[in-house]
Amino acid sequence: MSYIALKHLHTTAAALSLLFFIIRAYWSVIESAVLQKKAVRIAPHVIDTILLACGLAMAYTIGFNQGWIWAKLVALVLYIVVGTVAIKRGKTPVTRGIAALAAVVIFFYIVGVALTRNAWSWLA
């Protein structure tokens, strides 16, 4: 698969991942039973696997030895941790809501790093 095709698939998966995260976070805050449906539990893993696989393939293509790629990976780990608080580990709806907002901010930091190819993201 070409780099451009990987980039388009990666970008599409990122947009779907964010959209689905926001919907699931909302359901978590309002304590909806929809979160327990099988498709809702499986879909994020499929989307995020595609997202990560494309990202790693692109990083392999251009080389991992770039600081901005490592900044994205570190931020991704933070996004996952904060995202789990937003979706399942937060004890109260307020905690889950704050974690969801923080996760979205981290996500947009990652997007900024990708677009600027600079660890300073939008501040570059």
C-alpha atoms as a PDB file:
ATOM      1  CA  MET A   1       0.000   0.000   0.000  1.00  0.00           C
ATOM      2  CA  SER A   2       1.364   3.431  -0.894  1.00  0.00           C
ATOM      3  CA  TYR A   3       2.192   6.058   1.697  1.00  0.00           C
ATOM      4  CA  ILE A   4      -0.638   8.291   0.416  1.00  0.00           C
ATOM      5  CA  ALA A   5      -3.167   5.449   0.711  1.00  0.00           C
ATOM      6  CA  LEU A   6      -1.942   4.709   4.253  1.00  0.00           C
ATOM      7  CA  LYS A   7      -2.218   8.388   5.134  1.00  0.00           C
ATOM      8  CA  HIS A   8      -5.798   8.612   3.853  1.00  0.00           C
ATOM      9  CA  LEU A   9      -6.833   5.443   5.683  1.00  0.00           C
ATOM     10  CA  HIS A  10      -5.065   6.657   8.840  1.00  0.00           C
ATOM     11  CA  THR A  11      -6.809  10.045   8.663  1.00  0.00           C
ATOM     12  CA  THR A  12     -10.208   8.440   8.079  1.00  0.00           C
ATOM     13  CA  ALA A  13      -9.695   6.033  10.974  1.00  0.00           C
ATOM     14  CA  ALA A  14      -8.603   8.938  13.203  1.00  0.00           C
ATOM     15  CA  ALA A  15     -11.761  10.888  12.389  1.00  0.00           C
ATOM     16  CA  LEU A  16     -13.948   7.829  13.030  1.00  0.00           C
ATOM     17  CA  SER A  17     -12.062   7.074  16.233  1.00  0.00           C
ATOM     18  CA  LEU A  18     -12.614  10.587  17.580  1.00  0.00           C
ATOM     19  CA  LEU A  19     -16.271  10.664  16.549  1.00  0.00           C
ATOM     20  CA  PHE A  20     -16.984   7.299  18.130  1.00  0.00           C
ATOM     21  CA  PHE A  21     -15.003   8.234  21.250  1.00  0.00           C
ATOM     22  CA  ILE A  22     -17.094  11.386  21.732  1.00  0.00           C
ATOM     23  CA  ILE A  23     -20.327   9.425  21.316  1.00  0.00           C
ATOM     24  CA  ARG A  24     -19.202   6.722  23.755  1.00  0.00           C
ATOM     25  CA  ALA A  25     -17.986   9.328  26.246  1.00  0.00           C
ATOM     26  CA  TYR A  26     -21.396  10.994  26.119  1.00  0.00           C
ATOM     27  CA  TRP A  27     -23.071   7.634  26.711  1.00  0.00           C
ATOM     28  CA  SER A  28     -20.693   7.051  29.615  1.00  0.00           C
ATOM     29  CA  VAL A  29     -21.493  10.411  31.202  1.00  0.00           C
ATOM     30  CA  ILE A  30     -25.254   9.822  30.939  1.00  0.00           C
ATOM     31  CA  GLU A  31     -24.708   6.206  32.052  1.00  0.00           C
ATOM     32  CA  SER A  32     -26.426   4.712  29.000  1.00  0.00           C
ATOM     33  CA  ALA A  33     -26.770   0.948  28.676  1.00  0.00           C
ATOM     34  CA  VAL A  34     -25.861   1.296  24.978  1.00  0.00           C
ATOM     35  CA  LEU A  35     -22.194   1.089  26.031  1.00  0.00           C
ATOM     36  CA  GLN A  36     -22.732  -2.577  26.868  1.00  0.00           C
ATOM     37  CA  LYS A  37     -23.848  -3.558  23.362  1.00  0.00           C
ATOM     38  CA  LYS A  38     -21.446  -5.897  21.605  1.00  0.00           C
ATOM     39  CA  ALA A  39     -20.977  -3.719  18.508  1.00  0.00           C
ATOM     40  CA  VAL A  40     -20.242  -0.646  20.659  1.00  0.00           C
ATOM     41  CA  ARG A  41     -17.601  -2.598  22.578  1.00  0.00           C
ATOM     42  CA  ILE A  42     -15.952  -4.114  19.467  1.00  0.00           C
ATOM     43  CA  ALA A  43     -16.047  -1.266  16.903  1.00  0.00           C
ATOM     44  CA  PRO A  44     -13.503   0.988  18.676  1.00  0.00           C
ATOM     45  CA  HIS A  45     -10.955  -1.832  18.727  1.00  0.00           C
ATOM     46  CA  VAL A  46     -11.364  -2.435  14.986  1.00  0.00           C
ATOM     47  CA  ILE A  47     -11.116   1.282  14.147  1.00  0.00           C
ATOM     48  CA  ASP A  48      -8.172   1.881  16.476  1.00  0.00           C
ATOM     49  CA  THR A  49      -6.302  -1.180  15.196  1.00  0.00           C
ATOM     50  CA  ILE A  50      -6.564   0.170  11.649  1.00  0.00           C
ATOM     51  CA  LEU A  51      -5.499   3.613  12.899  1.00  0.00           C
ATOM     52  CA  LEU A  52      -2.455   2.248  14.740  1.00  0.00           C
ATOM     53  CA  ALA A  53      -1.437  -0.175  11.975  1.00  0.00           C
ATOM     54  CA  CYS A  54      -1.502   2.589   9.353  1.00  0.00           C
ATOM     55  CA  GLY A  55       0.377   4.950  11.663  1.00  0.00           C
ATOM     56  CA  LEU A  56       3.079   2.398  12.358  1.00  0.00           C
ATOM     57  CA  ALA A  57       3.370   1.543   8.654  1.00  0.00           C
ATOM     58  CA  MET A  58       3.797   5.223   7.793  1.00  0.00           C
ATOM     59  CA  ALA A  59       6.339   5.679  10.593  1.00  0.00           C
ATOM     60  CA  TYR A  60       8.254   2.659   9.297  1.00  0.00           C
ATOM     61  CA  THR A  61       8.208   4.162   5.797  1.00  0.00           C
ATOM     62  CA  ILE A  62       9.588   7.552   6.842  1.00  0.00           C
ATOM     63  CA  GLY A  63      11.662   6.319   9.798  1.00  0.00           C
ATOM     64  CA  PHE A  64      10.920   6.186  13.506  1.00  0.00           C
ATOM     65  CA  ASN A  65      13.888   8.360  14.433  1.00  0.00           C
ATOM     66  CA  GLN A  66      11.925  11.605  14.367  1.00  0.00           C
ATOM     67  CA  GLY A  67      10.982  13.384  17.556  1.00  0.00           C
ATOM     68  CA  TRP A  68       7.488  14.291  16.412  1.00  0.00           C
ATOM     69  CA  ILE A  69       6.620  10.614  15.864  1.00  0.00           C
ATOM     70  CA  TRP A  70       7.699   9.803  19.412  1.00  0.00           C
ATOM     71  CA  ALA A  71       5.681  12.785  20.683  1.00  0.00           C
ATOM     72  CA  LYS A  72       2.616  11.322  18.948  1.00  0.00           C
ATOM     73  CA  LEU A  73       3.229   7.885  20.458  1.00  0.00           C
ATOM     74  CA  VAL A  74       3.671   9.248  24.002  1.00  0.00           C
ATOM     75  CA  ALA A  75       0.545  11.387  23.592  1.00  0.00           C
ATOM     76  CA  LEU A  76      -1.314   8.348  22.242  1.00  0.00           C
ATOM     77  CA  VAL A  77      -0.542   6.387  25.407  1.00  0.00           C
ATOM     78  CA  LEU A  78      -1.747   9.335  27.509  1.00  0.00           C
ATOM     79  CA  TYR A  79      -4.894   9.595  25.340  1.00  0.00           C
ATOM     80  CA  ILE A  80      -5.632   5.894  25.904  1.00  0.00           C
ATOM     81  CA  VAL A  81      -5.193   6.174  29.679  1.00  0.00           C
ATOM     82  CA  VAL A  82      -7.352   9.299  29.956  1.00  0.00           C
ATOM     83  CA  GLY A  83      -9.865   7.791  27.507  1.00  0.00           C
ATOM     84  CA  THR A  84     -10.336   4.733  29.715  1.00  0.00           C
ATOM     85  CA  VAL A  85     -11.185   7.050  32.598  1.00  0.00           C
ATOM     86  CA  ALA A  86     -13.724   8.803  30.377  1.00  0.00           C
ATOM     87  CA  ILE A  87     -15.388   5.614  29.176  1.00  0.00           C
ATOM     88  CA  LYS A  88     -15.147   3.143  32.041  1.00  0.00           C
ATOM     89  CA  ARG A  89     -12.840   3.898  34.955  1.00  0.00           C
ATOM     90  CA  GLY A  90     -14.231   7.259  36.042  1.00  0.00           C
ATOM     91  CA  LYS A  91     -16.304   6.781  39.175  1.00  0.00           C
ATOM     92  CA  THR A  92     -18.701   9.682  38.589  1.00  0.00           C
ATOM     93  CA  PRO A  93     -20.265  11.268  35.510  1.00  0.00           C
ATOM     94  CA  VAL A  94     -18.371  14.504  36.257  1.00  0.00           C
ATOM     95  CA  THR A  95     -15.036  12.658  36.394  1.00  0.00           C
ATOM     96  CA  ARG A  96     -15.839  10.869  33.143  1.00  0.00           C
ATOM     97  CA  GLY A  97     -16.863  14.147  31.493  1.00  0.00           C
ATOM     98  CA  ILE A  98     -13.677  15.954  32.532  1.00  0.00           C
ATOM     99  CA  ALA A  99     -11.582  13.003  31.362  1.00  0.00           C
ATOM    100  CA  ALA A 100     -13.432  12.998  28.024  1.00  0.00           C
ATOM    101  CA  LEU A 101     -12.667  16.686  27.495  1.00  0.00           C
ATOM    102  CA  ALA A 102      -9.018  16.101  28.420  1.00  0.00           C
ATOM    103  CA  ALA A 103      -8.828  13.163  25.994  1.00  0.00           C
ATOM    104  CA  VAL A 104     -10.220  15.299  23.150  1.00  0.00           C
ATOM    105  CA  VAL A 105      -7.621  17.998  23.905  1.00  0.00           C
ATOM    106  CA  ILE A 106      -4.881  15.343  23.781  1.00  0.00           C
ATOM    107  CA  PHE A 107      -6.316  14.037  20.511  1.00  0.00           C
ATOM    108  CA  PHE A 108      -6.126  17.518  18.965  1.00  0.00           C
ATOM    109  CA  TYR A 109      -2.555  17.851  20.237  1.00  0.00           C
ATOM    110  CA  ILE A 110      -1.763  14.629  18.334  1.00  0.00           C
ATOM    111  CA  VAL A 111      -3.437  16.017  15.206  1.00  0.00           C
ATOM    112  CA  GLY A 112      -1.369  19.194  15.546  1.00  0.00           C
ATOM    113  CA  VAL A 113       1.827  17.167  15.823  1.00  0.00           C
ATOM    114  CA  ALA A 114       0.864  15.217  12.709  1.00  0.00           C
ATOM    115  CA  LEU A 115       0.095  18.338  10.691  1.00  0.00           C
ATOM    116  CA  THR A 116       3.108  20.393  11.798  1.00  0.00           C
ATOM    117  CA  ARG A 117       5.516  17.463  12.203  1.00  0.00           C
ATOM    118  CA  ASN A 118       6.668  19.198  15.355  1.00  0.00           C
ATOM    119  CA  ALA A 119       6.311  18.058  18.972  1.00  0.00           C
ATOM    120  CA  TRP A 120       5.118  21.566  19.878  1.00  0.00           C
ATOM    121  CA  SER A 121       1.985  20.799  17.870  1.00  0.00           C
ATOM    122  CA  TRP A 122      -0.165  23.892  17.288  1.00  0.00           C
ATOM    123  CA  LEU A 123       2.356  26.114  19.092  1.00  0.00           C
ATOM    124  CA  ALA A 124       5.046  25.469  16.458  1.00  0.00           C
END
